N, C-alpha and C. Protein backbone atom coordinates (compact mmCIF):
# COMPACT_ATOMS: atom_id res chain seq x y z
N UNK A 1 15.59 -3.01 6.83
CA UNK A 1 15.02 -1.47 6.42
C UNK A 1 15.97 -0.57 7.61
N UNK A 2 16.77 -0.72 7.92
CA UNK A 2 17.91 -0.02 8.48
C UNK A 2 17.93 1.68 7.90
N UNK A 3 17.27 1.60 6.71
CA UNK A 3 17.51 2.60 6.16
C UNK A 3 16.51 3.84 5.90
N UNK A 4 15.11 3.30 6.60
CA UNK A 4 14.21 4.19 7.09
C UNK A 4 14.30 4.00 8.65
N UNK A 5 14.68 5.48 8.75
CA UNK A 5 14.76 5.15 10.73
C UNK A 5 13.58 5.63 11.08
N UNK A 6 12.59 6.21 10.71
CA UNK A 6 11.75 6.70 11.28
C UNK A 6 10.28 5.51 11.05
N UNK A 7 10.82 4.76 10.30
CA UNK A 7 9.70 3.16 10.06
C UNK A 7 9.22 2.73 11.87
N UNK A 8 7.94 2.21 11.57
CA UNK A 8 7.59 1.71 13.00
C UNK A 8 7.36 0.83 13.01
N UNK A 9 7.30 -0.14 14.08
CA UNK A 9 6.55 -1.53 13.94
C UNK A 9 4.53 -1.81 14.78
N UNK A 10 4.56 -2.67 14.02
CA UNK A 10 2.80 -2.80 14.28
C UNK A 10 2.94 -4.47 14.63
N UNK A 11 1.61 -4.13 15.23
CA UNK A 11 1.16 -5.81 15.67
C UNK A 11 -0.38 -5.70 15.33
N UNK A 12 -1.22 -4.98 15.30
CA UNK A 12 -2.58 -4.75 15.20
C UNK A 12 -2.90 -4.00 13.58
N UNK A 13 -4.03 -3.27 13.97
CA UNK A 13 -4.56 -2.55 12.79
C UNK A 13 -3.50 -1.23 12.71
N UNK A 14 -3.95 -0.73 10.96
CA UNK A 14 -2.99 0.28 10.51
C UNK A 14 -3.87 1.27 9.93
N UNK A 15 -3.98 2.33 10.34
CA UNK A 15 -4.54 3.13 9.68
C UNK A 15 -3.86 4.11 8.85
N UNK A 16 -4.21 4.58 7.18
CA UNK A 16 -3.30 5.36 6.30
C UNK A 16 -4.53 6.32 6.05
N UNK A 17 -4.09 7.91 6.01
CA UNK A 17 -4.93 8.73 5.27
C UNK A 17 -3.67 9.93 4.97
N UNK A 18 -4.31 10.48 3.85
CA UNK A 18 -3.39 11.57 3.29
C UNK A 18 -4.07 12.72 3.17
N UNK A 19 -3.68 14.01 4.07
CA UNK A 19 -4.02 15.54 4.14
C UNK A 19 -3.83 15.98 3.41
N UNK A 20 -2.72 15.78 2.12
CA UNK A 20 -2.17 16.75 1.41
C UNK A 20 -3.54 18.00 0.74
N UNK A 21 -4.28 17.12 0.05
CA UNK A 21 -5.35 18.04 -0.62
C UNK A 21 -6.09 18.75 0.55
N UNK A 22 -6.30 17.83 1.56
CA UNK A 22 -7.14 18.46 2.64
C UNK A 22 -6.73 19.88 3.46
N UNK A 23 -5.42 20.02 3.49
CA UNK A 23 -4.97 20.88 3.96
C UNK A 23 -3.94 21.58 3.40
N UNK A 24 -4.44 21.27 1.88
CA UNK A 24 -3.25 22.66 1.09
C UNK A 24 -1.57 22.02 1.40
N UNK A 25 -1.43 20.51 1.71
CA UNK A 25 -0.26 20.00 1.84
C UNK A 25 0.52 20.53 3.33
N UNK A 26 -0.25 21.25 4.17
CA UNK A 26 0.27 21.76 5.54
C UNK A 26 0.61 20.20 6.57
N UNK A 27 -0.10 18.99 5.95
CA UNK A 27 0.20 17.81 6.51
C UNK A 27 -0.24 17.01 5.60
N UNK A 28 0.80 15.81 5.48
CA UNK A 28 0.72 14.78 4.50
C UNK A 28 0.16 13.67 4.95
N UNK A 29 0.93 12.45 4.94
CA UNK A 29 0.50 11.23 4.99
C UNK A 29 0.67 10.97 6.59
N UNK A 30 -0.33 10.09 6.77
CA UNK A 30 -0.22 9.98 8.29
C UNK A 30 -0.64 8.57 8.26
N UNK A 31 0.17 7.84 9.17
CA UNK A 31 0.19 6.26 9.62
C UNK A 31 -0.41 6.30 11.04
N UNK A 32 -1.48 5.48 11.43
CA UNK A 32 -1.82 5.61 12.77
C UNK A 32 -2.37 4.40 13.20
N UNK A 33 -2.19 4.42 14.63
CA UNK A 33 -3.41 3.06 14.99
C UNK A 33 -4.58 2.80 15.65
N UNK A 34 -5.16 3.99 15.27
CA UNK A 34 -6.20 4.63 15.57
C UNK A 34 -7.16 4.84 14.07
N UNK A 35 -8.77 4.72 14.39
CA UNK A 35 -8.37 5.30 12.91
C UNK A 35 -9.28 6.83 12.93
N UNK A 36 -9.09 7.74 11.57
CA UNK A 36 -9.10 8.96 11.54
C UNK A 36 -10.65 9.70 12.22
N UNK A 37 -11.15 10.41 12.46
CA UNK A 37 -12.36 10.77 12.76
C UNK A 37 -12.67 11.85 11.72
N UNK A 38 -11.44 12.45 11.18
CA UNK A 38 -11.72 13.56 10.25
C UNK A 38 -11.70 13.41 8.70
N UNK A 39 -11.22 12.65 8.22
CA UNK A 39 -10.95 12.23 7.06
C UNK A 39 -11.38 10.51 6.68
N UNK A 40 -11.57 10.48 5.24
CA UNK A 40 -11.47 8.47 5.16
C UNK A 40 -10.34 8.51 4.82
N UNK A 41 -9.77 7.04 5.20
CA UNK A 41 -8.67 6.62 5.31
C UNK A 41 -8.73 5.19 4.48
N UNK A 42 -7.69 4.25 4.48
CA UNK A 42 -7.31 2.93 4.24
C UNK A 42 -6.60 2.35 5.45
N UNK A 43 -7.14 0.83 5.74
CA UNK A 43 -6.85 0.07 7.03
C UNK A 43 -6.20 -1.12 6.66
N UNK A 44 -5.17 -1.35 6.94
CA UNK A 44 -4.32 -2.77 7.33
C UNK A 44 -5.19 -3.63 8.04
N UNK A 45 -5.83 -4.36 8.62
CA UNK A 45 -6.09 -5.16 9.65
C UNK A 45 -5.26 -6.26 9.97
N UNK A 46 -5.17 -6.39 10.77
CA UNK A 46 -4.56 -7.26 11.89
C UNK A 46 -5.28 -8.83 11.80
N UNK A 47 -4.37 -10.09 12.08
CA UNK A 47 -5.48 -11.00 12.38
C UNK A 47 -5.45 -11.21 13.92
N UNK A 48 -6.20 -12.83 13.71
CA UNK A 48 -6.10 -13.17 14.98
C UNK A 48 -5.24 -13.48 15.36
N UNK A 49 -4.17 -14.26 15.14
CA UNK A 49 -2.63 -14.17 15.35
C UNK A 49 -1.86 -13.18 15.00
N UNK A 50 -1.44 -12.38 16.23
CA UNK A 50 -0.55 -11.27 15.86
C UNK A 50 0.24 -11.07 14.94
N UNK A 51 0.45 -10.61 13.77
CA UNK A 51 1.42 -10.38 13.02
C UNK A 51 2.48 -9.19 13.02
N UNK A 52 3.45 -8.95 13.30
CA UNK A 52 4.35 -8.21 13.49
C UNK A 52 5.17 -7.59 12.07
N UNK A 53 4.82 -6.14 11.75
CA UNK A 53 5.29 -5.92 10.45
C UNK A 53 5.46 -4.35 10.46
N UNK A 54 6.30 -3.85 9.19
CA UNK A 54 7.00 -2.64 9.85
C UNK A 54 6.00 -1.59 8.55
N UNK A 55 5.96 -0.51 9.28
CA UNK A 55 5.00 0.60 8.18
C UNK A 55 5.83 1.77 8.07
N UNK A 56 6.25 2.01 6.79
CA UNK A 56 6.93 3.35 6.08
C UNK A 56 6.37 4.03 5.43
N UNK A 57 6.32 5.03 6.47
CA UNK A 57 5.90 6.59 5.62
C UNK A 57 7.14 7.02 4.61
N UNK A 58 6.80 7.26 3.71
CA UNK A 58 7.83 7.61 2.14
C UNK A 58 7.92 8.83 2.75
N UNK A 59 7.16 9.83 3.11
CA UNK A 59 7.18 11.39 3.05
C UNK A 59 7.96 11.79 4.18
N UNK A 60 8.53 10.82 5.17
CA UNK A 60 9.07 10.70 6.45
C UNK A 60 10.53 10.37 6.03
N UNK A 61 10.84 9.92 4.63
CA UNK A 61 12.14 9.73 3.83
C UNK A 61 12.51 10.32 2.38
N UNK A 62 12.07 11.55 2.91
CA UNK A 62 12.56 12.96 1.63
C UNK A 62 13.93 12.11 0.39
N UNK A 63 14.89 11.89 1.56
CA UNK A 63 15.94 11.64 0.71
C UNK A 63 15.84 10.47 -0.34
N UNK A 64 14.97 9.42 0.10
CA UNK A 64 14.72 8.35 -0.66
C UNK A 64 13.47 8.02 -1.82
N UNK A 65 12.80 9.27 -1.63
CA UNK A 65 11.97 9.31 -2.57
C UNK A 65 12.64 10.31 -4.02
N UNK A 66 12.86 11.07 -3.01
CA UNK A 66 13.57 12.33 -4.40
C UNK A 66 14.12 11.88 -5.65
N UNK A 67 13.25 12.61 -6.76
CA UNK A 67 13.84 12.04 -8.28
C UNK A 67 12.56 11.25 -8.55
N UNK A 68 12.08 10.35 -8.13
CA UNK A 68 10.90 9.17 -7.87
C UNK A 68 9.41 9.51 -8.12
N UNK A 69 8.96 9.00 -9.06
CA UNK A 69 7.10 9.06 -8.41
C UNK A 69 7.31 8.07 -7.72
N UNK A 70 6.25 8.35 -6.00
CA UNK A 70 6.37 7.64 -5.17
C UNK A 70 4.72 7.13 -4.61
N UNK A 71 4.56 6.20 -4.15
CA UNK A 71 3.57 5.73 -3.53
C UNK A 71 3.63 6.41 -2.13
N UNK A 72 2.24 6.75 -1.36
CA UNK A 72 2.44 7.25 0.49
C UNK A 72 3.55 6.24 1.23
N UNK A 73 3.43 4.86 1.35
CA UNK A 73 3.91 4.15 2.16
C UNK A 73 3.97 2.66 1.74
N UNK A 74 4.53 1.67 2.38
CA UNK A 74 4.79 0.60 2.24
C UNK A 74 4.97 -0.07 3.70
N UNK A 75 4.61 -1.30 3.53
CA UNK A 75 4.00 -2.36 4.55
C UNK A 75 4.87 -3.36 4.31
N UNK A 76 5.57 -4.11 5.20
CA UNK A 76 6.39 -5.57 5.29
C UNK A 76 6.35 -6.44 6.86
N UNK A 77 5.95 -7.65 6.44
CA UNK A 77 6.26 -8.53 7.15
C UNK A 77 7.21 -9.02 8.08
N UNK A 78 7.61 -8.70 9.15
CA UNK A 78 8.42 -8.59 10.14
C UNK A 78 8.67 -10.05 10.66
N UNK A 79 7.85 -11.09 10.12
CA UNK A 79 7.68 -12.65 10.91
C UNK A 79 8.62 -13.21 9.91
N UNK A 80 9.27 -13.97 11.15
CA UNK A 80 10.02 -15.16 10.22
C UNK A 80 9.60 -16.33 9.60
N UNK A 81 9.48 -16.51 8.26
CA UNK A 81 8.80 -17.02 7.34
C UNK A 81 9.51 -17.30 6.05
N UNK A 82 9.50 -18.40 5.28
CA UNK A 82 9.73 -18.80 3.92
C UNK A 82 9.45 -17.13 3.39
N UNK A 83 8.73 -16.87 2.87
CA UNK A 83 8.72 -15.54 2.00
C UNK A 83 7.56 -14.55 2.42
N UNK A 84 8.13 -13.11 2.94
CA UNK A 84 7.51 -12.54 4.02
C UNK A 84 6.56 -11.80 2.92
N UNK A 85 5.64 -10.90 3.34
CA UNK A 85 4.69 -10.00 1.91
C UNK A 85 5.43 -8.48 2.38
N UNK A 86 4.99 -8.12 1.18
CA UNK A 86 5.50 -6.46 1.22
C UNK A 86 4.34 -6.05 0.14
N UNK A 87 3.68 -5.02 0.98
CA UNK A 87 2.64 -4.14 0.39
C UNK A 87 2.92 -2.75 0.24
N UNK A 88 2.47 -2.38 -1.16
CA UNK A 88 2.78 -0.89 -1.32
C UNK A 88 1.59 -0.37 -1.20
N UNK A 89 1.47 0.65 -1.08
CA UNK A 89 -0.11 1.61 -0.46
C UNK A 89 0.31 3.05 -1.46
N UNK A 90 -1.06 3.02 -2.54
CA UNK A 90 -0.95 4.64 -2.97
C UNK A 90 -2.21 4.78 -2.68
N UNK A 91 -2.93 6.00 -2.46
CA UNK A 91 -3.89 6.49 -1.97
C UNK A 91 -4.28 7.62 -3.04
N UNK A 92 -5.49 7.76 -3.35
CA UNK A 92 -6.17 8.78 -4.46
C UNK A 92 -7.22 9.11 -3.83
N UNK A 93 -7.63 10.16 -3.61
CA UNK A 93 -9.09 10.87 -3.45
C UNK A 93 -9.12 11.52 -4.53
N UNK A 94 -10.09 11.38 -4.96
CA UNK A 94 -10.56 11.81 -6.51
C UNK A 94 -12.01 11.25 -6.33
N UNK A 95 -12.80 11.87 -7.71
CA UNK A 95 -14.10 11.46 -7.89
C UNK A 95 -13.84 10.21 -8.62
N UNK A 96 -15.28 9.18 -8.28
CA UNK A 96 -15.51 7.93 -9.37
C UNK A 96 -14.84 8.30 -10.88
N UNK A 97 -14.96 9.06 -11.61
CA UNK A 97 -15.00 9.16 -13.05
C UNK A 97 -13.49 9.15 -13.20
N UNK A 98 -12.38 9.43 -12.35
CA UNK A 98 -11.11 9.50 -12.29
C UNK A 98 -10.41 8.40 -11.89
N UNK A 99 -11.31 7.49 -11.23
CA UNK A 99 -10.28 5.87 -10.61
C UNK A 99 -9.61 5.42 -12.02
N UNK A 100 -9.98 5.62 -13.17
CA UNK A 100 -9.37 4.84 -13.67
C UNK A 100 -8.04 5.60 -14.50
N UNK A 101 -7.59 6.53 -14.56
CA UNK A 101 -6.32 7.90 -14.80
C UNK A 101 -5.59 7.06 -13.58
N UNK A 102 -6.25 7.72 -12.37
CA UNK A 102 -5.75 7.72 -11.41
C UNK A 102 -4.66 6.21 -11.19
N UNK A 103 -5.65 5.17 -11.35
CA UNK A 103 -5.38 3.31 -11.03
C UNK A 103 -4.00 3.38 -11.86
N UNK A 104 -3.92 3.87 -13.10
CA UNK A 104 -2.46 3.67 -13.95
C UNK A 104 -1.47 4.28 -13.06
N UNK A 105 -1.67 5.75 -12.88
CA UNK A 105 -0.82 6.01 -12.13
C UNK A 105 -0.06 5.59 -10.98
N UNK A 106 -1.18 5.21 -10.07
CA UNK A 106 -0.96 4.49 -8.68
C UNK A 106 0.43 3.24 -8.52
N UNK A 107 -0.25 2.77 -9.96
CA UNK A 107 0.87 1.21 -10.15
C UNK A 107 2.41 2.02 -10.69
N UNK A 108 2.18 2.60 -11.38
CA UNK A 108 3.53 3.39 -11.88
C UNK A 108 3.93 3.70 -10.26
N UNK A 109 3.40 4.63 -9.57
CA UNK A 109 4.31 4.93 -8.38
C UNK A 109 4.69 3.89 -7.40
N UNK A 110 4.11 3.02 -7.27
CA UNK A 110 4.31 1.81 -6.49
C UNK A 110 5.38 1.58 -7.55
N UNK A 111 5.31 1.05 -8.54
CA UNK A 111 6.41 0.16 -9.18
C UNK A 111 7.24 0.95 -8.60
N UNK A 112 7.71 2.39 -9.09
CA UNK A 112 8.93 3.05 -8.91
C UNK A 112 9.47 2.81 -7.55
N UNK A 113 9.28 2.72 -6.47
CA UNK A 113 9.28 2.51 -4.92
C UNK A 113 10.14 1.21 -5.46
N UNK A 114 9.21 0.06 -5.71
CA UNK A 114 9.84 -0.91 -5.60
C UNK A 114 11.08 -1.43 -6.55
N UNK A 115 11.16 -0.76 -7.76
CA UNK A 115 12.46 -0.77 -8.47
C UNK A 115 13.40 0.21 -7.37
N UNK A 116 13.63 1.17 -7.05
CA UNK A 116 14.29 1.76 -6.20
C UNK A 116 14.75 0.87 -4.85
N UNK A 117 13.56 0.36 -4.27
CA UNK A 117 14.07 -0.52 -2.53
C UNK A 117 15.03 -2.08 -3.31
N UNK A 118 14.62 -2.11 -4.52
CA UNK A 118 15.72 -3.36 -5.22
C UNK A 118 17.13 -2.52 -5.45
N UNK A 119 17.07 -1.44 -6.06
CA UNK A 119 17.90 -1.07 -6.91
C UNK A 119 19.65 -0.23 -5.57
N UNK A 120 18.56 -0.14 -4.46
CA UNK A 120 19.62 0.52 -3.44
C UNK A 120 20.09 -0.95 -2.57
N UNK A 121 19.50 -2.22 -2.87
CA UNK A 121 19.72 -3.13 -1.99
C UNK A 121 18.93 -3.30 -0.64
N UNK A 122 17.78 -2.57 -0.47
CA UNK A 122 17.02 -2.79 0.66
C UNK A 122 16.14 -3.78 0.94
N UNK A 123 16.06 -4.64 -0.46
CA UNK A 123 15.01 -5.49 -0.74
C UNK A 123 15.35 -6.36 -1.88
N UNK A 124 15.18 -7.58 -1.97
CA UNK A 124 14.97 -8.37 -3.00
C UNK A 124 13.83 -9.04 -3.31
N UNK A 125 12.85 -8.55 -4.15
CA UNK A 125 11.91 -8.58 -4.43
C UNK A 125 11.55 -10.37 -4.85
N UNK A 126 12.49 -11.06 -4.67
CA UNK A 126 12.42 -12.27 -5.27
C UNK A 126 11.96 -13.24 -3.98
N UNK A 127 12.29 -12.75 -2.76
CA UNK A 127 12.20 -13.33 -1.66
C UNK A 127 11.05 -12.69 -0.70
N UNK A 128 10.28 -12.01 -1.88
CA UNK A 128 9.01 -11.45 -1.21
C UNK A 128 7.99 -11.81 -1.92
N UNK A 129 6.56 -11.93 -1.32
CA UNK A 129 4.95 -11.88 -1.82
C UNK A 129 5.20 -10.49 -1.82
N UNK A 130 4.60 -9.70 -2.96
CA UNK A 130 4.66 -8.21 -3.36
C UNK A 130 3.07 -8.19 -3.64
N UNK A 131 2.88 -7.33 -3.10
CA UNK A 131 1.08 -6.57 -3.44
C UNK A 131 1.27 -5.31 -3.60
N UNK A 132 0.89 -4.77 -4.44
CA UNK A 132 0.21 -3.45 -4.85
C UNK A 132 -1.08 -3.20 -4.32
N UNK A 133 -1.46 -2.01 -3.60
CA UNK A 133 -2.97 -1.72 -3.33
C UNK A 133 -3.09 -0.23 -3.79
N UNK A 134 -4.09 0.30 -4.59
CA UNK A 134 -4.36 1.14 -4.93
C UNK A 134 -5.97 1.54 -4.42
N UNK A 135 -5.89 2.85 -3.34
CA UNK A 135 -7.13 2.92 -2.36
C UNK A 135 -7.77 4.04 -2.55
N UNK A 136 -9.15 4.08 -2.86
CA UNK A 136 -9.26 5.45 -3.08
C UNK A 136 -10.43 5.94 -2.00
N UNK A 137 -10.13 5.92 -0.81
CA UNK A 137 -10.77 5.91 0.29
C UNK A 137 -12.13 7.09 0.25
N UNK A 138 -12.57 7.68 -0.28
CA UNK A 138 -13.54 8.71 -0.63
C UNK A 138 -14.80 7.60 -1.07
N UNK A 139 -14.14 6.76 -2.35
CA UNK A 139 -15.18 5.65 -2.66
C UNK A 139 -14.86 4.72 -2.44
N UNK A 140 -16.18 4.34 -1.73
CA UNK A 140 -16.61 3.05 -1.02
C UNK A 140 -17.49 1.96 -1.84
N UNK A 141 -18.18 2.70 -2.96
CA UNK A 141 -19.09 1.82 -3.33
C UNK A 141 -18.48 1.01 -4.21
N UNK A 142 -17.21 1.33 -4.86
CA UNK A 142 -16.85 0.66 -6.31
C UNK A 142 -15.86 -0.35 -6.21
N UNK A 143 -15.19 -0.57 -5.03
CA UNK A 143 -14.26 -1.80 -4.88
C UNK A 143 -14.57 -2.85 -5.31
N UNK A 144 -13.64 -3.69 -5.60
CA UNK A 144 -12.38 -3.24 -6.43
C UNK A 144 -12.25 -2.10 -7.29
N UNK A 145 -11.78 -1.01 -7.01
CA UNK A 145 -11.06 -0.29 -8.10
C UNK A 145 -10.74 -0.76 -9.25
N UNK A 146 -9.91 -1.76 -9.07
CA UNK A 146 -8.65 -2.00 -10.39
C UNK A 146 -9.70 -2.76 -11.39
N UNK A 147 -10.77 -3.60 -10.42
CA UNK A 147 -11.32 -4.68 -11.55
C UNK A 147 -12.22 -3.42 -12.25
N UNK A 148 -12.80 -2.24 -12.20
CA UNK A 148 -12.98 -1.22 -12.95
C UNK A 148 -12.40 -0.86 -14.33
N UNK A 149 -11.08 -0.98 -14.23
CA UNK A 149 -9.76 -0.41 -15.07
C UNK A 149 -9.21 -1.29 -15.69
N UNK A 150 -8.81 -2.38 -15.02
CA UNK A 150 -7.68 -3.33 -15.77
C UNK A 150 -8.03 -4.86 -15.78
N UNK A 151 -8.04 -5.04 -16.95
CA UNK A 151 -8.64 -6.41 -17.06
C UNK A 151 -7.70 -7.40 -16.13
N UNK A 152 -8.26 -8.48 -16.57
CA UNK A 152 -7.56 -10.16 -15.97
C UNK A 152 -6.30 -9.77 -16.62
N UNK A 153 -5.90 -9.94 -17.91
CA UNK A 153 -4.82 -10.20 -18.57
C UNK A 153 -3.57 -8.96 -17.96
N UNK A 154 -4.18 -8.03 -17.77
CA UNK A 154 -3.24 -6.61 -17.31
C UNK A 154 -3.02 -7.04 -15.92
N UNK A 155 -3.58 -7.58 -15.20
CA UNK A 155 -3.12 -7.85 -13.51
C UNK A 155 -2.31 -8.98 -13.65
N UNK A 156 -2.67 -9.87 -14.83
CA UNK A 156 -1.42 -10.96 -14.61
C UNK A 156 -0.17 -10.63 -15.42
N UNK A 157 -0.34 -9.71 -15.90
CA UNK A 157 1.25 -9.13 -16.92
C UNK A 157 1.49 -8.28 -15.42
N UNK A 158 1.08 -7.55 -14.50
CA UNK A 158 2.06 -6.74 -13.52
C UNK A 158 2.18 -8.18 -12.74
N UNK A 159 1.85 -9.40 -12.54
CA UNK A 159 2.76 -10.18 -11.90
C UNK A 159 3.60 -10.48 -12.80
N UNK A 160 3.91 -10.81 -13.54
CA UNK A 160 5.03 -11.42 -14.35
C UNK A 160 5.74 -10.29 -14.59
N UNK A 161 5.81 -8.90 -14.70
CA UNK A 161 6.60 -8.21 -14.77
C UNK A 161 7.12 -7.43 -13.39
N UNK A 162 6.00 -7.53 -12.58
CA UNK A 162 6.82 -6.76 -11.45
C UNK A 162 6.97 -7.92 -10.15
N UNK A 163 6.32 -8.80 -10.70
CA UNK A 163 6.44 -9.53 -9.82
C UNK A 163 4.96 -9.73 -8.09
N UNK A 164 4.35 -8.68 -8.45
CA UNK A 164 3.24 -7.97 -7.62
C UNK A 164 1.65 -8.23 -7.82
N UNK A 165 1.27 -8.66 -6.86
CA UNK A 165 -0.32 -8.98 -7.35
C UNK A 165 -0.88 -7.66 -6.66
N UNK A 166 -2.36 -7.41 -7.70
CA UNK A 166 -2.79 -5.90 -7.49
C UNK A 166 -4.00 -6.07 -7.09
N UNK A 167 -4.35 -5.55 -5.94
CA UNK A 167 -5.83 -4.96 -5.14
C UNK A 167 -6.05 -3.64 -5.35
N UNK A 168 -7.32 -3.60 -5.22
CA UNK A 168 -7.89 -2.46 -5.20
C UNK A 168 -8.89 -1.96 -4.21
N UNK A 169 -8.61 -1.82 -2.96
CA UNK A 169 -9.56 -1.86 -1.91
C UNK A 169 -8.86 -0.82 -0.76
N UNK A 170 -10.06 -0.28 -0.40
CA UNK A 170 -9.43 0.43 0.75
C UNK A 170 -9.52 0.02 2.17
N UNK A 171 -9.37 -1.44 2.22
CA UNK A 171 -9.01 -2.22 3.84
C UNK A 171 -8.47 -3.71 3.25
N UNK A 172 -7.17 -3.79 3.95
CA UNK A 172 -6.70 -5.40 3.61
C UNK A 172 -6.65 -5.86 4.54
N UNK A 173 -6.44 -7.35 4.87
CA UNK A 173 -6.26 -8.26 6.06
C UNK A 173 -5.00 -8.82 6.18
N UNK A 174 -4.71 -8.87 7.06
CA UNK A 174 -3.09 -9.59 7.31
C UNK A 174 -3.70 -10.97 7.28
N UNK A 175 -3.46 -12.02 6.39
CA UNK A 175 -3.64 -13.57 6.73
C UNK A 175 -2.61 -14.09 7.49
N UNK A 176 -1.40 -13.76 7.42
CA UNK A 176 -0.16 -14.29 8.04
C UNK A 176 0.99 -13.85 7.35
N UNK A 177 1.99 -13.98 8.08
CA UNK A 177 3.29 -13.08 8.11
C UNK A 177 3.71 -13.74 6.27
N UNK A 178 2.91 -14.45 5.49
CA UNK A 178 3.07 -14.74 4.44
C UNK A 178 2.05 -13.98 3.21
N UNK A 179 0.95 -14.34 3.91
CA UNK A 179 -0.01 -13.76 2.61
C UNK A 179 -0.72 -12.26 3.18
N UNK A 180 -1.26 -11.66 2.26
CA UNK A 180 -2.42 -10.78 3.12
C UNK A 180 -3.99 -10.93 1.86
N UNK A 181 -4.61 -10.71 2.54
CA UNK A 181 -6.12 -11.01 1.54
C UNK A 181 -7.07 -9.79 1.51
N UNK A 182 -8.16 -9.78 0.99
CA UNK A 182 -8.59 -8.86 0.50
C UNK A 182 -9.84 -9.23 1.58
N UNK A 183 -10.87 -8.18 2.01
CA UNK A 183 -11.45 -8.54 3.10
C UNK A 183 -12.98 -9.15 2.64
N UNK A 184 -13.43 -10.35 3.65
CA UNK A 184 -14.66 -10.59 3.41
C UNK A 184 -16.01 -9.73 3.28
N UNK A 185 -16.45 -9.81 2.09
CA UNK A 185 -17.98 -8.80 1.76
C UNK A 185 -19.36 -10.05 1.92
N UNK A 186 -20.02 -9.31 2.93
CA UNK A 186 -21.33 -10.09 3.11
C UNK A 186 -22.51 -10.07 1.32
N UNK A 187 -22.58 -10.66 0.66
CA UNK A 187 -23.60 -10.47 -0.35
C UNK A 187 -24.55 -10.27 0.11
């Protein structure tokens, strides 16, 4: 990941927010070790056994995203293991009625970044367990968002075409250096 000089190492929770709409683009995507008090956010939760991982805010690497549709950021396990995870993240602050059209665009954006990472030789997708997560921080009651838009067949097709597992949560949990999972919810 030498290409991303502003990448940061994490071993605990990481919070992601996009201030672009709220501040009319004066501030954009922010990755932080503490929750935000002034905006809804996505959270990547650490696990009991600390897992070191890299976080890359793509807005801090404009030369990489020039000319492509791009997601906000991505994370990659930095643990020595057989098949580490790579998480592509796209945030959409939208009304519930727009979740569907935004979900399809989010998938295109994440896939575009993944293709460029591969084309530039930064990662070999076959060596990673790849996750795409579409997050809509302002919509907490309808998770997982992708289940309202994409059928199981479409999710399986994404696994076959891009090699990526599709999530639609505002929070994900690092299970290990090889796996990410959805948070457990009480019913």
